[in-house]
């Protein structure tokens, strides 16, 4: 996922937050990999689902200006389901 793609998704048209957004891209990818493994990366549908949830994570962290989520934020059922799907994906040889 590129900086330009994420800035477009966030509707950010200035450069002052480029370093922060780049960090969020890296953090969100690490988070997904740590939660789900990396098998999803070589499975086309897995990569698409991961891209969707990565955008959601980046959006949440960008809007909240934090890389943590407070206890009182409601759990997102769609994100949970995608994480479950990604973690169960296996590469078939």
N, C-alpha and C. Protein backbone atom coordinates (compact mmCIF):
# COMPACT_ATOMS: atom_id res chain seq x y z
N UNK A 1 0.85 -1.16 0.00
CA UNK A 1 0.00 0.00 0.00
C UNK A 1 0.91 1.23 0.00
N UNK A 2 0.62 2.15 -0.90
CA UNK A 2 1.48 3.32 -1.04
C UNK A 2 0.94 4.51 -0.23
N UNK A 3 1.83 5.43 0.01
CA UNK A 3 1.46 6.67 0.68
C UNK A 3 0.37 7.39 -0.11
N UNK A 4 0.50 7.43 -1.42
CA UNK A 4 -0.47 8.13 -2.26
C UNK A 4 -1.85 7.49 -2.16
N UNK A 5 -1.90 6.15 -2.16
CA UNK A 5 -3.19 5.45 -2.03
C UNK A 5 -3.86 5.78 -0.71
N UNK A 6 -3.08 5.78 0.35
CA UNK A 6 -3.65 6.04 1.68
C UNK A 6 -4.08 7.49 1.81
N UNK A 7 -3.27 8.41 1.30
CA UNK A 7 -3.67 9.82 1.36
C UNK A 7 -4.96 10.05 0.58
N UNK A 8 -5.11 9.40 -0.53
CA UNK A 8 -6.34 9.51 -1.31
C UNK A 8 -7.52 8.95 -0.51
N UNK A 9 -7.32 7.80 0.12
CA UNK A 9 -8.38 7.17 0.92
C UNK A 9 -8.77 8.08 2.10
N UNK A 10 -7.77 8.69 2.73
CA UNK A 10 -8.02 9.57 3.87
C UNK A 10 -8.50 10.96 3.44
N UNK A 11 -8.40 11.21 2.15
CA UNK A 11 -8.72 12.54 1.59
C UNK A 11 -7.81 13.62 2.17
N UNK A 12 -6.53 13.30 2.21
CA UNK A 12 -5.50 14.24 2.68
C UNK A 12 -4.76 14.72 1.46
N UNK A 13 -4.75 16.04 1.27
CA UNK A 13 -4.09 16.59 0.08
C UNK A 13 -2.91 17.50 0.42
N UNK A 14 -2.37 17.34 1.61
CA UNK A 14 -1.20 18.11 2.02
C UNK A 14 -0.12 17.12 2.46
N UNK A 15 1.11 17.61 2.60
CA UNK A 15 2.25 16.73 2.85
C UNK A 15 2.73 16.72 4.30
N UNK A 16 2.19 17.56 5.13
CA UNK A 16 2.67 17.67 6.51
C UNK A 16 2.56 16.36 7.30
N UNK A 17 1.59 15.52 6.98
CA UNK A 17 1.39 14.27 7.71
C UNK A 17 2.01 13.05 7.02
N UNK A 18 2.80 13.26 5.99
CA UNK A 18 3.36 12.14 5.23
C UNK A 18 4.13 11.14 6.10
N UNK A 19 4.98 11.63 6.98
CA UNK A 19 5.75 10.72 7.84
C UNK A 19 4.84 9.94 8.77
N UNK A 20 3.85 10.61 9.34
CA UNK A 20 2.91 9.95 10.24
C UNK A 20 2.10 8.89 9.49
N UNK A 21 1.61 9.22 8.31
CA UNK A 21 0.83 8.27 7.52
C UNK A 21 1.70 7.08 7.10
N UNK A 22 2.94 7.34 6.74
CA UNK A 22 3.86 6.25 6.39
C UNK A 22 4.05 5.32 7.58
N UNK A 23 4.20 5.88 8.78
CA UNK A 23 4.31 5.06 9.99
C UNK A 23 3.05 4.23 10.20
N UNK A 24 1.89 4.82 9.97
CA UNK A 24 0.63 4.09 10.15
C UNK A 24 0.50 2.94 9.15
N UNK A 25 0.99 3.14 7.95
CA UNK A 25 0.98 2.05 6.95
C UNK A 25 1.82 0.88 7.47
N UNK A 26 3.01 1.18 7.95
CA UNK A 26 3.89 0.13 8.47
C UNK A 26 3.31 -0.54 9.71
N UNK A 27 2.80 0.26 10.63
CA UNK A 27 2.24 -0.28 11.87
C UNK A 27 1.04 -1.17 11.58
N UNK A 28 0.18 -0.74 10.68
CA UNK A 28 -1.02 -1.53 10.37
C UNK A 28 -0.65 -2.86 9.71
N UNK A 29 0.37 -2.85 8.84
CA UNK A 29 0.80 -4.10 8.21
C UNK A 29 1.40 -5.05 9.24
N UNK A 30 2.21 -4.52 10.13
CA UNK A 30 2.79 -5.35 11.19
C UNK A 30 1.68 -5.93 12.06
N UNK A 31 0.71 -5.12 12.39
CA UNK A 31 -0.41 -5.56 13.23
C UNK A 31 -1.17 -6.71 12.57
N UNK A 32 -1.49 -6.55 11.29
CA UNK A 32 -2.22 -7.60 10.56
C UNK A 32 -1.37 -8.87 10.50
N UNK A 33 -0.10 -8.74 10.18
CA UNK A 33 0.78 -9.91 10.10
C UNK A 33 0.90 -10.63 11.44
N UNK A 34 1.01 -9.87 12.51
CA UNK A 34 1.15 -10.47 13.84
C UNK A 34 -0.15 -11.16 14.28
N UNK A 35 -1.28 -10.60 13.89
CA UNK A 35 -2.57 -11.18 14.27
C UNK A 35 -2.95 -12.38 13.39
N UNK A 36 -2.56 -12.34 12.12
CA UNK A 36 -3.09 -13.31 11.15
C UNK A 36 -2.05 -14.18 10.48
N UNK A 37 -0.78 -13.91 10.68
CA UNK A 37 0.24 -14.60 9.90
C UNK A 37 0.41 -13.89 8.56
N UNK A 38 1.12 -14.53 7.63
CA UNK A 38 1.38 -13.88 6.35
C UNK A 38 0.92 -14.68 5.14
N UNK A 39 0.28 -15.82 5.36
CA UNK A 39 -0.20 -16.63 4.24
C UNK A 39 -1.15 -15.85 3.34
N UNK A 40 -1.93 -14.96 3.90
CA UNK A 40 -2.90 -14.19 3.12
C UNK A 40 -2.25 -13.39 1.99
N UNK A 41 -0.97 -13.06 2.12
CA UNK A 41 -0.30 -12.20 1.15
C UNK A 41 -0.16 -12.83 -0.23
N UNK A 42 -0.16 -14.15 -0.30
CA UNK A 42 0.00 -14.82 -1.59
C UNK A 42 -1.32 -15.37 -2.13
N UNK A 43 -2.40 -15.09 -1.44
CA UNK A 43 -3.72 -15.52 -1.87
C UNK A 43 -4.48 -14.27 -2.33
N UNK A 44 -4.89 -14.20 -3.61
CA UNK A 44 -5.51 -12.97 -4.13
C UNK A 44 -6.65 -12.40 -3.26
N UNK A 45 -7.59 -13.22 -2.87
CA UNK A 45 -8.68 -12.71 -2.04
C UNK A 45 -8.19 -12.29 -0.67
N UNK A 46 -7.19 -12.97 -0.17
CA UNK A 46 -6.61 -12.61 1.12
C UNK A 46 -5.96 -11.24 1.07
N UNK A 47 -5.23 -10.98 0.01
CA UNK A 47 -4.58 -9.68 -0.15
C UNK A 47 -5.61 -8.56 -0.25
N UNK A 48 -6.71 -8.83 -0.94
CA UNK A 48 -7.77 -7.81 -1.07
C UNK A 48 -8.43 -7.54 0.27
N UNK A 49 -8.74 -8.60 1.02
CA UNK A 49 -9.34 -8.42 2.34
C UNK A 49 -8.39 -7.68 3.28
N UNK A 50 -7.12 -8.04 3.23
CA UNK A 50 -6.13 -7.39 4.09
C UNK A 50 -6.01 -5.90 3.75
N UNK A 51 -6.07 -5.58 2.47
CA UNK A 51 -6.00 -4.19 2.04
C UNK A 51 -7.18 -3.39 2.60
N UNK A 52 -8.35 -3.99 2.57
CA UNK A 52 -9.54 -3.32 3.10
C UNK A 52 -9.40 -3.07 4.60
N UNK A 53 -9.02 -4.07 5.34
CA UNK A 53 -8.91 -3.91 6.78
C UNK A 53 -7.73 -3.00 7.14
N UNK A 54 -6.68 -3.01 6.34
CA UNK A 54 -5.56 -2.11 6.59
C UNK A 54 -5.99 -0.66 6.44
N UNK A 55 -6.77 -0.37 5.42
CA UNK A 55 -7.28 0.99 5.25
C UNK A 55 -8.14 1.41 6.46
N UNK A 56 -8.95 0.50 6.94
CA UNK A 56 -9.79 0.79 8.10
C UNK A 56 -8.94 1.07 9.33
N UNK A 57 -7.93 0.25 9.56
CA UNK A 57 -7.04 0.47 10.70
C UNK A 57 -6.32 1.81 10.60
N UNK A 58 -5.80 2.10 9.41
CA UNK A 58 -5.10 3.36 9.21
C UNK A 58 -6.04 4.54 9.44
N UNK A 59 -7.25 4.46 8.90
CA UNK A 59 -8.22 5.52 9.08
C UNK A 59 -8.50 5.75 10.57
N UNK A 60 -8.74 4.67 11.30
CA UNK A 60 -9.03 4.81 12.74
C UNK A 60 -7.86 5.42 13.49
N UNK A 61 -6.64 4.95 13.20
CA UNK A 61 -5.48 5.50 13.90
C UNK A 61 -5.22 6.94 13.50
N UNK A 62 -5.44 7.28 12.24
CA UNK A 62 -5.22 8.65 11.77
C UNK A 62 -6.23 9.60 12.41
N UNK A 63 -7.48 9.22 12.40
CA UNK A 63 -8.52 10.09 12.96
C UNK A 63 -8.37 10.26 14.47
N UNK A 64 -7.91 9.23 15.16
CA UNK A 64 -7.74 9.29 16.61
C UNK A 64 -6.36 9.79 17.03
N UNK A 65 -5.48 9.95 16.03
CA UNK A 65 -4.09 10.39 16.28
C UNK A 65 -3.41 9.54 17.33
N UNK A 66 -3.62 8.23 17.21
CA UNK A 66 -3.00 7.31 18.15
C UNK A 66 -2.87 5.94 17.51
N UNK A 67 -1.95 5.16 18.02
CA UNK A 67 -1.81 3.79 17.54
C UNK A 67 -2.40 2.80 18.54
N UNK A 68 -3.13 3.33 19.49
CA UNK A 68 -3.83 2.47 20.45
C UNK A 68 -5.32 2.76 20.38
N UNK A 69 -6.10 1.82 20.84
CA UNK A 69 -7.55 1.96 20.84
C UNK A 69 -8.03 1.88 22.27
N UNK A 70 -8.82 2.84 22.70
CA UNK A 70 -9.29 2.84 24.08
C UNK A 70 -10.25 1.69 24.32
N UNK A 71 -10.42 1.33 25.57
CA UNK A 71 -11.27 0.21 25.95
C UNK A 71 -12.74 0.43 25.61
N UNK A 72 -13.17 1.67 25.54
CA UNK A 72 -14.59 1.93 25.36
C UNK A 72 -15.03 1.97 23.89
N UNK A 73 -14.11 1.74 22.96
CA UNK A 73 -14.49 1.73 21.55
C UNK A 73 -15.13 0.38 21.22
N UNK A 74 -16.27 0.44 20.57
CA UNK A 74 -17.01 -0.76 20.21
C UNK A 74 -16.22 -1.61 19.21
N UNK A 75 -16.27 -2.91 19.37
CA UNK A 75 -15.59 -3.83 18.46
C UNK A 75 -16.30 -3.85 17.12
N UNK A 76 -15.52 -3.86 16.07
CA UNK A 76 -16.04 -3.84 14.71
C UNK A 76 -16.16 -5.28 14.22
N UNK A 77 -17.39 -5.75 14.03
CA UNK A 77 -17.65 -7.14 13.64
C UNK A 77 -17.04 -7.46 12.28
N UNK A 78 -17.10 -6.54 11.32
CA UNK A 78 -16.53 -6.79 10.00
C UNK A 78 -15.02 -6.98 10.11
N UNK A 79 -14.35 -6.13 10.85
CA UNK A 79 -12.90 -6.25 11.01
C UNK A 79 -12.56 -7.58 11.69
N UNK A 80 -13.30 -7.94 12.72
CA UNK A 80 -13.08 -9.22 13.40
C UNK A 80 -13.21 -10.39 12.43
N UNK A 81 -14.26 -10.36 11.62
CA UNK A 81 -14.49 -11.43 10.66
C UNK A 81 -13.36 -11.52 9.64
N UNK A 82 -12.91 -10.37 9.14
CA UNK A 82 -11.81 -10.37 8.17
C UNK A 82 -10.54 -10.92 8.81
N UNK A 83 -10.24 -10.51 10.04
CA UNK A 83 -9.07 -11.05 10.73
C UNK A 83 -9.16 -12.56 10.88
N UNK A 84 -10.35 -13.06 11.22
CA UNK A 84 -10.53 -14.51 11.34
C UNK A 84 -10.28 -15.20 10.00
N UNK A 85 -10.82 -14.66 8.92
CA UNK A 85 -10.63 -15.24 7.59
C UNK A 85 -9.15 -15.23 7.21
N UNK A 86 -8.48 -14.09 7.41
CA UNK A 86 -7.06 -13.99 7.05
C UNK A 86 -6.22 -14.99 7.83
N UNK A 87 -6.52 -15.15 9.11
CA UNK A 87 -5.71 -16.05 9.93
C UNK A 87 -5.92 -17.52 9.57
N UNK A 88 -7.03 -17.84 8.94
CA UNK A 88 -7.31 -19.23 8.55
C UNK A 88 -6.86 -19.58 7.15
N UNK A 89 -6.38 -18.60 6.39
CA UNK A 89 -5.96 -18.85 5.00
C UNK A 89 -4.68 -19.66 4.97
N UNK A 90 -4.71 -20.67 4.12
CA UNK A 90 -3.53 -21.52 3.95
C UNK A 90 -3.14 -21.56 2.49
N UNK A 91 -1.87 -21.60 2.25
CA UNK A 91 -1.35 -21.70 0.90
C UNK A 91 -1.44 -23.16 0.47
N UNK A 92 -2.09 -23.41 -0.66
CA UNK A 92 -2.21 -24.76 -1.19
C UNK A 92 -1.18 -24.95 -2.30
N UNK A 93 -0.38 -25.96 -2.16
CA UNK A 93 0.68 -26.21 -3.16
C UNK A 93 0.27 -27.35 -4.08
